[in-house]
């Protein structure tokens, strides 16, 4: 499991990690703050964390966490990427698209 902080500066330090994790099939998640992530490994701040081994009594908790992360991040990566930005146009872009559609409709009416 790879855990990545969202407020890393410069972002180039961790920008490649989600793509690498998807390519290698490693579950990953993004957490809110690098100081929260730092508390896990007893540091002030941490940009990313890889959990590879845990105690046998914590293995069930890790398995549950990995399944949740796979469901929310790894399997939904394409869906999240497609819906990025909201899909709403600004007023100038919307007017331009409407103008083009109106011209296409007028041209189709002329041909018919």
Protein backbone atom coordinates (compact mmCIF):
# COMPACT_ATOMS: atom_id res chain seq x y z
CA UNK A 1 0.00 0.00 0.00
CA UNK A 2 1.36 3.41 -0.98
CA UNK A 3 0.03 6.47 0.84
CA UNK A 4 0.69 9.88 -0.75
CA UNK A 5 0.23 13.32 0.85
CA UNK A 6 -1.66 15.93 -1.17
CA UNK A 7 0.24 19.04 -0.04
CA UNK A 8 3.77 18.13 -1.09
CA UNK A 9 5.84 21.06 -2.34
CA UNK A 10 7.20 20.83 -5.02
CA UNK A 11 4.51 18.49 -6.35
CA UNK A 12 6.98 16.93 -8.82
CA UNK A 13 8.34 14.83 -5.95
CA UNK A 14 5.23 12.63 -5.90
CA UNK A 15 3.49 13.45 -9.18
CA UNK A 16 4.61 10.22 -10.88
CA UNK A 17 3.57 7.90 -8.04
CA UNK A 18 -0.13 7.34 -8.92
CA UNK A 19 0.73 6.45 -12.52
CA UNK A 20 3.51 4.12 -11.38
CA UNK A 21 1.23 2.45 -8.85
CA UNK A 22 -1.48 1.91 -11.48
CA UNK A 23 1.08 0.47 -13.90
CA UNK A 24 2.55 -1.92 -11.31
CA UNK A 25 -0.82 -2.86 -9.78
CA UNK A 26 0.03 -1.48 -6.34
CA UNK A 27 -2.85 -0.01 -4.31
CA UNK A 28 -2.40 3.68 -3.48
CA UNK A 29 -4.34 6.43 -1.77
CA UNK A 30 -3.96 10.17 -1.29
CA UNK A 31 -4.37 11.62 2.19
CA UNK A 32 -5.11 15.16 3.24
CA UNK A 33 -1.97 16.37 4.95
CA UNK A 34 1.71 15.46 5.03
CA UNK A 35 1.88 16.15 8.77
CA UNK A 36 -0.84 13.52 9.36
CA UNK A 37 1.17 11.10 7.28
CA UNK A 38 4.26 12.02 9.26
CA UNK A 39 2.57 11.00 12.51
CA UNK A 40 2.24 7.46 11.18
CA UNK A 41 6.00 7.03 10.79
CA UNK A 42 6.93 9.28 13.74
CA UNK A 43 8.33 12.15 11.70
CA UNK A 44 7.36 15.81 11.44
CA UNK A 45 6.20 15.56 7.82
CA UNK A 46 6.31 12.84 5.18
CA UNK A 47 5.52 13.09 1.47
CA UNK A 48 4.72 9.41 0.90
CA UNK A 49 4.71 6.11 2.70
CA UNK A 50 4.87 2.49 1.52
CA UNK A 51 3.47 -0.16 3.83
CA UNK A 52 5.01 -3.53 2.98
CA UNK A 53 4.95 -5.60 6.18
CA UNK A 54 2.79 -5.53 9.28
CA UNK A 55 2.44 -7.69 12.37
CA UNK A 56 0.34 -10.81 11.99
CA UNK A 57 -2.34 -9.46 14.33
CA UNK A 58 -2.73 -6.31 12.17
CA UNK A 59 -2.83 -8.15 8.84
CA UNK A 60 -6.65 -8.30 8.75
CA UNK A 61 -6.88 -4.52 9.24
CA UNK A 62 -4.38 -3.94 6.45
CA UNK A 63 -6.24 -6.30 4.12
CA UNK A 64 -9.49 -4.44 4.82
CA UNK A 65 -7.77 -1.09 4.22
CA UNK A 66 -6.18 -2.32 0.97
CA UNK A 67 -9.56 -3.53 -0.34
CA UNK A 68 -11.14 -0.15 0.46
CA UNK A 69 -8.28 1.70 -1.25
CA UNK A 70 -8.46 -0.52 -4.34
CA UNK A 71 -12.18 0.09 -4.61
CA UNK A 72 -11.97 3.88 -4.17
CA UNK A 73 -8.75 4.72 -6.05
CA UNK A 74 -7.32 2.00 -8.26
CA UNK A 75 -10.52 0.67 -9.81
CA UNK A 76 -12.09 4.13 -10.24
CA UNK A 77 -9.03 5.85 -11.74
CA UNK A 78 -10.49 6.10 -15.25
CA UNK A 79 -13.86 7.26 -13.96
CA UNK A 80 -12.29 9.97 -11.79
CA UNK A 81 -10.09 11.15 -14.66
CA UNK A 82 -13.06 11.40 -17.06
CA UNK A 83 -15.11 13.54 -14.67
CA UNK A 84 -12.31 15.94 -13.81
CA UNK A 85 -13.32 19.59 -14.27
CA UNK A 86 -17.07 19.28 -13.94
CA UNK A 87 -17.85 19.51 -17.67
CA UNK A 88 -19.40 22.99 -17.51
CA UNK A 89 -18.33 25.66 -19.98
CA UNK A 90 -17.79 29.32 -19.27
CA UNK A 91 -20.07 31.96 -20.79
CA UNK A 92 -17.76 32.76 -23.72
CA UNK A 93 -17.16 29.11 -24.58
CA UNK A 94 -20.86 28.29 -24.26
CA UNK A 95 -21.73 31.19 -26.59
CA UNK A 96 -19.15 30.01 -29.12
CA UNK A 97 -20.49 26.45 -29.08
CA UNK A 98 -24.07 27.71 -29.41
CA UNK A 99 -23.03 29.86 -32.39
CA UNK A 100 -21.40 26.87 -34.11
CA UNK A 101 -24.45 24.67 -33.44
CA UNK A 102 -26.75 27.36 -34.82
CA UNK A 103 -24.61 27.62 -37.97
CA UNK A 104 -24.69 23.82 -38.40
CA UNK A 105 -28.48 23.77 -37.99
CA UNK A 106 -28.87 26.58 -40.52
CA UNK A 107 -26.61 24.75 -43.00
CA UNK A 108 -28.56 21.49 -42.53
CA UNK A 109 -31.82 23.37 -43.13
CA UNK A 110 -30.41 24.84 -46.37
CA UNK A 111 -29.44 21.37 -47.66
CA UNK A 112 -32.85 19.84 -46.88
